PDB file of all heavy atoms in Angstrom:
ATOM      1  N   ALA A   1      71.754-160.417  94.637  1.00  0.00           N
ATOM      2  CA  ALA A   1      70.980-161.606  94.186  1.00  0.00           C
ATOM      3  C   ALA A   1      71.632-162.881  94.816  1.00  0.00           C
ATOM      4  O   ALA A   1      72.963-162.993  94.743  1.00  0.00           O
ATOM      5  CB  ALA A   1      70.993-161.667  92.771  1.00  0.00           C
ATOM      6  N   ALA A   2      70.927-163.721  95.293  1.00  0.00           N
ATOM      7  CA  ALA A   2      71.537-164.967  95.971  1.00  0.00           C
ATOM      8  C   ALA A   2      72.192-165.858  94.943  1.00  0.00           C
ATOM      9  O   ALA A   2      71.824-165.902  93.858  1.00  0.00           O
ATOM     10  CB  ALA A   2      70.273-165.754  96.647  1.00  0.00           C
ATOM     11  N   ARG A   3      73.115-166.580  95.514  1.00  0.00           N
ATOM     12  CA  ARG A   3      73.912-167.549  94.678  1.00  0.00           C
ATOM     13  C   ARG A   3      74.070-168.878  95.305  1.00  0.00           C
ATOM     14  O   ARG A   3      74.151-168.906  96.564  1.00  0.00           O
ATOM     15  CB  ARG A   3      75.369-167.034  94.402  1.00  0.00           C
ATOM     16  CG  ARG A   3      75.534-165.646  93.931  1.00  0.00           C
ATOM     17  CD  ARG A   3      76.879-165.396  93.485  1.00  0.00           C
ATOM     18  NE  ARG A   3      77.827-165.508  94.655  1.00  0.00           N
ATOM     19  CZ  ARG A   3      79.164-165.637  94.597  1.00  0.00           C
ATOM     20  NH1 ARG A   3      79.736-165.701  93.383  1.00  0.00           N
ATOM     21  NH2 ARG A   3      79.933-165.805  95.613  1.00  0.00           N
ATOM     22  N   SER A   4      73.861-169.959  94.568  1.00  0.00           N
ATOM     23  CA  SER A   4      74.097-171.296  95.048  1.00  0.00           C
ATOM     24  C   SER A   4      75.556-171.552  95.156  1.00  0.00           C
ATOM     25  O   SER A   4      76.362-171.253  94.195  1.00  0.00           O
ATOM     26  CB  SER A   4      73.283-172.291  94.162  1.00  0.00           C
ATOM     27  OG  SER A   4      73.767-172.222  92.836  1.00  0.00           O
ATOM     28  N   LEU A   5      75.993-172.256  96.209  1.00  0.00           N
ATOM     29  CA  LEU A   5      77.429-172.649  96.286  1.00  0.00           C
ATOM     30  C   LEU A   5      77.885-173.552  95.299  1.00  0.00           C
ATOM     31  O   LEU A   5      77.212-174.526  95.009  1.00  0.00           O
ATOM     32  CB  LEU A   5      77.579-173.192  97.691  1.00  0.00           C
ATOM     33  CG  LEU A   5      79.064-173.544  98.124  1.00  0.00           C
ATOM     34  CD1 LEU A   5      79.835-172.166  98.251  1.00  0.00           C
ATOM     35  CD2 LEU A   5      79.102-174.280  99.405  1.00  0.00           C
ATOM     36  N   SER A   6      79.019-173.302  94.744  1.00  0.00           N
ATOM     37  CA  SER A   6      79.606-174.246  93.722  1.00  0.00           C
ATOM     38  C   SER A   6      80.939-174.706  94.207  1.00  0.00           C
ATOM     39  O   SER A   6      81.646-174.009  95.065  1.00  0.00           O
ATOM     40  CB  SER A   6      79.706-173.602  92.378  1.00  0.00           C
ATOM     41  OG  SER A   6      80.641-172.564  92.417  1.00  0.00           O
ATOM     42  N   ALA A   7      81.403-175.804  93.567  1.00  0.00           N
ATOM     43  CA  ALA A   7      82.802-176.219  93.832  1.00  0.00           C
ATOM     44  C   ALA A   7      83.893-175.241  93.449  1.00  0.00           C
ATOM     45  O   ALA A   7      84.857-175.084  94.088  1.00  0.00           O
ATOM     46  CB  ALA A   7      83.058-177.602  93.202  1.00  0.00           C
ATOM     47  N   ALA A   8      83.640-174.532  92.373  1.00  0.00           N
ATOM     48  CA  ALA A   8      84.538-173.418  91.961  1.00  0.00           C
ATOM     49  C   ALA A   8      84.673-172.327  92.954  1.00  0.00           C
ATOM     50  O   ALA A   8      85.816-171.854  93.211  1.00  0.00           O
ATOM     51  CB  ALA A   8      84.139-172.939  90.650  1.00  0.00           C
ATOM     52  N   MET A   9      83.676-171.942  93.663  1.00  0.00           N
ATOM     53  CA  MET A   9      83.654-171.032  94.695  1.00  0.00           C
ATOM     54  C   MET A   9      84.471-171.482  95.796  1.00  0.00           C
ATOM     55  O   MET A   9      85.229-170.779  96.385  1.00  0.00           O
ATOM     56  CB  MET A   9      82.266-170.541  95.247  1.00  0.00           C
ATOM     57  CG  MET A   9      81.295-169.918  94.192  1.00  0.00           C
ATOM     58  SD  MET A   9      79.661-169.671  94.851  1.00  0.00           S
ATOM     59  CE  MET A   9      78.755-169.189  93.540  1.00  0.00           C
ATOM     60  N   VAL A  10      84.288-172.662  96.241  1.00  0.00           N
ATOM     61  CA  VAL A  10      85.105-173.262  97.358  1.00  0.00           C
ATOM     62  C   VAL A  10      86.624-173.369  97.026  1.00  0.00           C
ATOM     63  O   VAL A  10      87.356-172.915  97.839  1.00  0.00           O
ATOM     64  CB  VAL A  10      84.550-174.607  97.715  1.00  0.00           C
ATOM     65  CG1 VAL A  10      85.360-175.304  98.664  1.00  0.00           C
ATOM     66  CG2 VAL A  10      83.092-174.631  98.178  1.00  0.00           C
ATOM     67  N   ASP A  11      86.802-173.700  95.828  1.00  0.00           N
ATOM     68  CA  ASP A  11      88.260-173.874  95.423  1.00  0.00           C
ATOM     69  C   ASP A  11      88.983-172.512  95.442  1.00  0.00           C
ATOM     70  O   ASP A  11      90.183-172.390  95.564  1.00  0.00           O
ATOM     71  CB  ASP A  11      88.451-174.532  94.073  1.00  0.00           C
ATOM     72  CG  ASP A  11      88.002-175.947  94.182  1.00  0.00           C
ATOM     73  OD1 ASP A  11      88.070-176.537  95.271  1.00  0.00           O
ATOM     74  OD2 ASP A  11      87.846-176.499  93.003  1.00  0.00           O
ATOM     75  N   ALA A  12      88.273-171.251  95.070  1.00  0.00           N
ATOM     76  CA  ALA A  12      88.740-170.079  94.975  1.00  0.00           C
ATOM     77  C   ALA A  12      88.811-169.235  96.326  1.00  0.00           C
ATOM     78  O   ALA A  12      89.342-168.187  96.379  1.00  0.00           O
ATOM     79  CB  ALA A  12      87.872-169.247  94.089  1.00  0.00           C
ATOM     80  N   SER A  13      88.413-169.822  97.425  1.00  0.00           N
ATOM     81  CA  SER A  13      88.188-169.132  98.751  1.00  0.00           C
ATOM     82  C   SER A  13      89.346-169.541  99.646  1.00  0.00           C
ATOM     83  O   SER A  13      89.735-170.699  99.784  1.00  0.00           O
ATOM     84  CB  SER A  13      86.853-169.491  99.376  1.00  0.00           C
ATOM     85  OG  SER A  13      85.864-168.924  98.506  1.00  0.00           O
ATOM     86  N   ASP A  14      89.810-168.638 100.482  1.00  0.00           N
ATOM     87  CA  ASP A  14      90.812-168.885 101.468  1.00  0.00           C
ATOM     88  C   ASP A  14      90.115-169.104 102.861  1.00  0.00           C
ATOM     89  O   ASP A  14      90.798-169.769 103.743  1.00  0.00           O
ATOM     90  CB  ASP A  14      91.688-167.588 101.645  1.00  0.00           C
ATOM     91  CG  ASP A  14      92.454-167.363 100.289  1.00  0.00           C
ATOM     92  OD1 ASP A  14      93.162-168.241  99.917  1.00  0.00           O
ATOM     93  OD2 ASP A  14      92.343-166.195  99.789  1.00  0.00           O
ATOM     94  N   LEU A  15      88.986-168.492 103.113  1.00  0.00           N
ATOM     95  CA  LEU A  15      88.371-168.664 104.351  1.00  0.00           C
ATOM     96  C   LEU A  15      86.855-168.612 104.186  1.00  0.00           C
ATOM     97  O   LEU A  15      86.270-167.959 103.394  1.00  0.00           O
ATOM     98  CB  LEU A  15      88.669-167.446 105.232  1.00  0.00           C
ATOM     99  CG  LEU A  15      88.104-167.419 106.726  1.00  0.00           C
ATOM    100  CD1 LEU A  15      88.880-168.288 107.480  1.00  0.00           C
ATOM    101  CD2 LEU A  15      88.331-165.966 107.280  1.00  0.00           C
ATOM    102  N   PHE A  16      86.228-169.436 104.993  1.00  0.00           N
ATOM    103  CA  PHE A  16      84.627-169.601 104.956  1.00  0.00           C
ATOM    104  C   PHE A  16      84.186-169.132 106.312  1.00  0.00           C
ATOM    105  O   PHE A  16      84.557-169.614 107.337  1.00  0.00           O
ATOM    106  CB  PHE A  16      84.230-170.974 104.687  1.00  0.00           C
ATOM    107  CG  PHE A  16      84.800-171.532 103.392  1.00  0.00           C
ATOM    108  CD1 PHE A  16      85.999-172.189 103.332  1.00  0.00           C
ATOM    109  CD2 PHE A  16      84.224-171.393 102.179  1.00  0.00           C
ATOM    110  CE1 PHE A  16      86.585-172.688 102.320  1.00  0.00           C
ATOM    111  CE2 PHE A  16      84.702-171.878 101.043  1.00  0.00           C
ATOM    112  CZ  PHE A  16      85.905-172.587 100.982  1.00  0.00           C
ATOM    113  N   ILE A  17      83.149-168.138 106.274  1.00  0.00           N
ATOM    114  CA  ILE A  17      82.517-167.830 107.489  1.00  0.00           C
ATOM    115  C   ILE A  17      80.942-168.231 107.223  1.00  0.00           C
ATOM    116  O   ILE A  17      80.202-167.941 106.318  1.00  0.00           O
ATOM    117  CB  ILE A  17      82.466-166.247 107.567  1.00  0.00           C
ATOM    118  CG1 ILE A  17      83.919-165.811 107.714  1.00  0.00           C
ATOM    119  CG2 ILE A  17      81.689-165.767 108.835  1.00  0.00           C
ATOM    120  CD1 ILE A  17      84.027-164.279 107.862  1.00  0.00           C
ATOM    121  N   VAL A  18      80.686-169.112 108.148  1.00  0.00           N
ATOM    122  CA  VAL A  18      79.337-169.971 107.965  1.00  0.00           C
ATOM    123  C   VAL A  18      78.360-169.375 109.040  1.00  0.00           C
ATOM    124  O   VAL A  18      78.698-168.962 110.206  1.00  0.00           O
ATOM    125  CB  VAL A  18      79.608-171.357 108.062  1.00  0.00           C
ATOM    126  CG1 VAL A  18      78.403-172.266 107.784  1.00  0.00           C
ATOM    127  CG2 VAL A  18      80.785-171.853 107.236  1.00  0.00           C
ATOM    128  N   GLY A  19      77.058-169.537 108.681  1.00  0.00           N
ATOM    129  CA  GLY A  19      76.064-169.013 109.580  1.00  0.00           C
ATOM    130  C   GLY A  19      75.963-169.817 110.887  1.00  0.00           C
ATOM    131  O   GLY A  19      75.950-169.113 111.968  1.00  0.00           O
ATOM    132  N   THR A  20      75.884-170.959 110.855  1.00  0.00           N
ATOM    133  CA  THR A  20      75.671-171.828 112.106  1.00  0.00           C
ATOM    134  C   THR A  20      76.585-173.138 112.148  1.00  0.00           C
ATOM    135  O   THR A  20      77.196-173.419 111.068  1.00  0.00           O
ATOM    136  CB  THR A  20      74.367-172.347 112.232  1.00  0.00           C
ATOM    137  OG1 THR A  20      73.953-173.247 111.158  1.00  0.00           O
ATOM    138  CG2 THR A  20      73.322-171.237 112.155  1.00  0.00           C
ATOM    139  N   GLY A  21      76.719-173.678 113.317  1.00  0.00           N
ATOM    140  CA  GLY A  21      77.621-174.990 113.293  1.00  0.00           C
ATOM    141  C   GLY A  21      77.103-175.942 112.465  1.00  0.00           C
ATOM    142  O   GLY A  21      77.831-176.715 111.736  1.00  0.00           O
ATOM    143  N   ALA A  22      75.711-176.117 112.347  1.00  0.00           N
ATOM    144  CA  ALA A  22      75.090-177.175 111.464  1.00  0.00           C
ATOM    145  C   ALA A  22      75.495-176.927 109.966  1.00  0.00           C
ATOM    146  O   ALA A  22      75.854-177.784 109.202  1.00  0.00           O
ATOM    147  CB  ALA A  22      73.612-177.223 111.583  1.00  0.00           C
ATOM    148  N   GLU A  23      75.468-175.592 109.622  1.00  0.00           N
ATOM    149  CA  GLU A  23      75.773-175.311 108.206  1.00  0.00           C
ATOM    150  C   GLU A  23      77.289-175.482 107.955  1.00  0.00           C
ATOM    151  O   GLU A  23      77.633-175.817 106.853  1.00  0.00           O
ATOM    152  CB  GLU A  23      75.409-173.857 107.940  1.00  0.00           C
ATOM    153  CG  GLU A  23      73.754-173.589 107.912  1.00  0.00           C
ATOM    154  CD  GLU A  23      73.378-172.296 108.057  1.00  0.00           C
ATOM    155  OE1 GLU A  23      74.140-171.415 108.504  1.00  0.00           O
ATOM    156  OE2 GLU A  23      72.194-172.013 107.694  1.00  0.00           O
ATOM    157  N   ARG A  24      78.099-175.216 108.866  1.00  0.00           N
ATOM    158  CA  ARG A  24      79.616-175.424 108.762  1.00  0.00           C
ATOM    159  C   ARG A  24      79.724-176.972 108.433  1.00  0.00           C
ATOM    160  O   ARG A  24      80.557-177.399 107.704  1.00  0.00           O
ATOM    161  CB  ARG A  24      80.354-174.950 109.999  1.00  0.00           C
ATOM    162  CG  ARG A  24      81.786-175.098 109.742  1.00  0.00           C
ATOM    163  CD  ARG A  24      82.488-175.062 111.205  1.00  0.00           C
ATOM    164  NE  ARG A  24      82.035-175.971 112.178  1.00  0.00           N
ATOM    165  CZ  ARG A  24      81.800-175.803 113.452  1.00  0.00           C
ATOM    166  NH1 ARG A  24      82.011-174.519 113.959  1.00  0.00           N
ATOM    167  NH2 ARG A  24      81.375-176.803 114.271  1.00  0.00           N
ATOM    168  N   ASP A  25      79.066-177.824 109.344  1.00  0.00           N
ATOM    169  CA  ASP A  25      79.209-179.249 109.071  1.00  0.00           C
ATOM    170  C   ASP A  25      78.762-179.725 107.737  1.00  0.00           C
ATOM    171  O   ASP A  25      79.407-180.547 107.184  1.00  0.00           O
ATOM    172  CB  ASP A  25      78.531-180.007 110.254  1.00  0.00           C
ATOM    173  CG  ASP A  25      79.076-179.732 111.609  1.00  0.00           C
ATOM    174  OD1 ASP A  25      80.264-179.290 111.719  1.00  0.00           O
ATOM    175  OD2 ASP A  25      78.383-179.951 112.660  1.00  0.00           O
ATOM    176  N   GLU A  26      77.716-179.204 107.255  1.00  0.00           N
ATOM    177  CA  GLU A  26      77.241-179.507 106.001  1.00  0.00           C
ATOM    178  C   GLU A  26      78.136-179.028 104.893  1.00  0.00           C
ATOM    179  O   GLU A  26      78.420-179.796 103.917  1.00  0.00           O
ATOM    180  CB  GLU A  26      75.875-178.915 105.766  1.00  0.00           C
ATOM    181  CG  GLU A  26      75.204-179.251 104.419  1.00  0.00           C
ATOM    182  CD  GLU A  26      75.058-180.692 104.106  1.00  0.00           C
ATOM    183  OE1 GLU A  26      75.052-181.540 105.041  1.00  0.00           O
ATOM    184  OE2 GLU A  26      74.843-181.125 102.908  1.00  0.00           O
ATOM    185  N   LEU A  27      78.707-177.837 105.035  1.00  0.00           N
ATOM    186  CA  LEU A  27      79.700-177.440 104.205  1.00  0.00           C
ATOM    187  C   LEU A  27      80.904-178.319 104.000  1.00  0.00           C
ATOM    188  O   LEU A  27      81.421-178.732 102.869  1.00  0.00           O
ATOM    189  CB  LEU A  27      80.171-175.950 104.504  1.00  0.00           C
ATOM    190  CG  LEU A  27      81.345-175.441 103.643  1.00  0.00           C
ATOM    191  CD1 LEU A  27      81.020-175.250 102.179  1.00  0.00           C
ATOM    192  CD2 LEU A  27      81.833-174.084 104.261  1.00  0.00           C
ATOM    193  N   ALA A  28      81.366-178.734 105.203  1.00  0.00           N
ATOM    194  CA  ALA A  28      82.489-179.610 105.297  1.00  0.00           C
ATOM    195  C   ALA A  28      82.111-181.007 104.664  1.00  0.00           C
ATOM    196  O   ALA A  28      82.999-181.738 104.105  1.00  0.00           O
ATOM    197  CB  ALA A  28      82.993-179.784 106.689  1.00  0.00           C
ATOM    198  N   ARG A  29      80.936-181.472 104.822  1.00  0.00           N
ATOM    199  CA  ARG A  29      80.534-182.739 104.314  1.00  0.00           C
ATOM    200  C   ARG A  29      80.619-182.760 102.873  1.00  0.00           C
ATOM    201  O   ARG A  29      81.008-183.726 102.187  1.00  0.00           O
ATOM    202  CB  ARG A  29      79.123-183.171 104.767  1.00  0.00           C
ATOM    203  CG  ARG A  29      78.646-184.611 104.414  1.00  0.00           C
ATOM    204  CD  ARG A  29      77.235-184.775 104.739  1.00  0.00           C
ATOM    205  NE  ARG A  29      76.296-183.955 103.787  1.00  0.00           N
ATOM    206  CZ  ARG A  29      76.046-184.326 102.649  1.00  0.00           C
ATOM    207  NH1 ARG A  29      76.495-185.463 102.008  1.00  0.00           N
ATOM    208  NH2 ARG A  29      75.240-183.594 101.893  1.00  0.00           N
ATOM    209  N   ARG A  30      80.005-181.659 102.200  1.00  0.00           N
ATOM    210  CA  ARG A  30      79.990-181.649 100.732  1.00  0.00           C
ATOM    211  C   ARG A  30      81.470-181.223 100.114  1.00  0.00           C
ATOM    212  O   ARG A  30      81.715-181.690  99.052  1.00  0.00           O
ATOM    213  CB  ARG A  30      79.038-180.471 100.362  1.00  0.00           C
ATOM    214  CG  ARG A  30      77.604-180.711 100.731  1.00  0.00           C
ATOM    215  CD  ARG A  30      76.773-179.683 100.126  1.00  0.00           C
ATOM    216  NE  ARG A  30      75.328-179.752 100.570  1.00  0.00           N
ATOM    217  CZ  ARG A  30      74.377-178.914 100.254  1.00  0.00           C
ATOM    218  NH1 ARG A  30      74.651-177.933  99.222  1.00  0.00           N
ATOM    219  NH2 ARG A  30      73.187-178.920 100.806  1.00  0.00           N
ATOM    220  N   HIS A  31      82.147-180.453 100.896  1.00  0.00           N
ATOM    221  CA  HIS A  31      83.453-179.977 100.442  1.00  0.00           C
ATOM    222  C   HIS A  31      84.437-180.195 101.519  1.00  0.00           C
ATOM    223  O   HIS A  31      84.787-179.413 102.197  1.00  0.00           O
ATOM    224  CB  HIS A  31      83.469-178.539  99.949  1.00  0.00           C
ATOM    225  CG  HIS A  31      82.375-178.231  98.955  1.00  0.00           C
ATOM    226  ND1 HIS A  31      82.461-178.454  97.604  1.00  0.00           N
ATOM    227  CD2 HIS A  31      81.082-177.759  99.196  1.00  0.00           C
ATOM    228  CE1 HIS A  31      81.417-178.113  96.995  1.00  0.00           C
ATOM    229  NE2 HIS A  31      80.559-177.634  97.837  1.00  0.00           N
ATOM    230  N   PRO A  32      85.006-181.407 101.690  1.00  0.00           N
ATOM    231  CA  PRO A  32      85.997-181.675 102.801  1.00  0.00           C
ATOM    232  C   PRO A  32      87.211-180.714 102.848  1.00  0.00           C
ATOM    233  O   PRO A  32      87.638-180.413 103.997  1.00  0.00           O
ATOM    234  CB  PRO A  32      86.382-183.125 102.463  1.00  0.00           C
ATOM    235  CG  PRO A  32      85.274-183.704 101.657  1.00  0.00           C
ATOM    236  CD  PRO A  32      84.616-182.628 100.794  1.00  0.00           C
TER     237      PRO A  32
END
């Protein structure tokens, strides 16, 4: 079941694997 990204998920993660470069940039914009 799909999940929407939350700040808690980001804080708990050591590494992020992102689909595309644009999605990586958007992840970094929302969560520096």
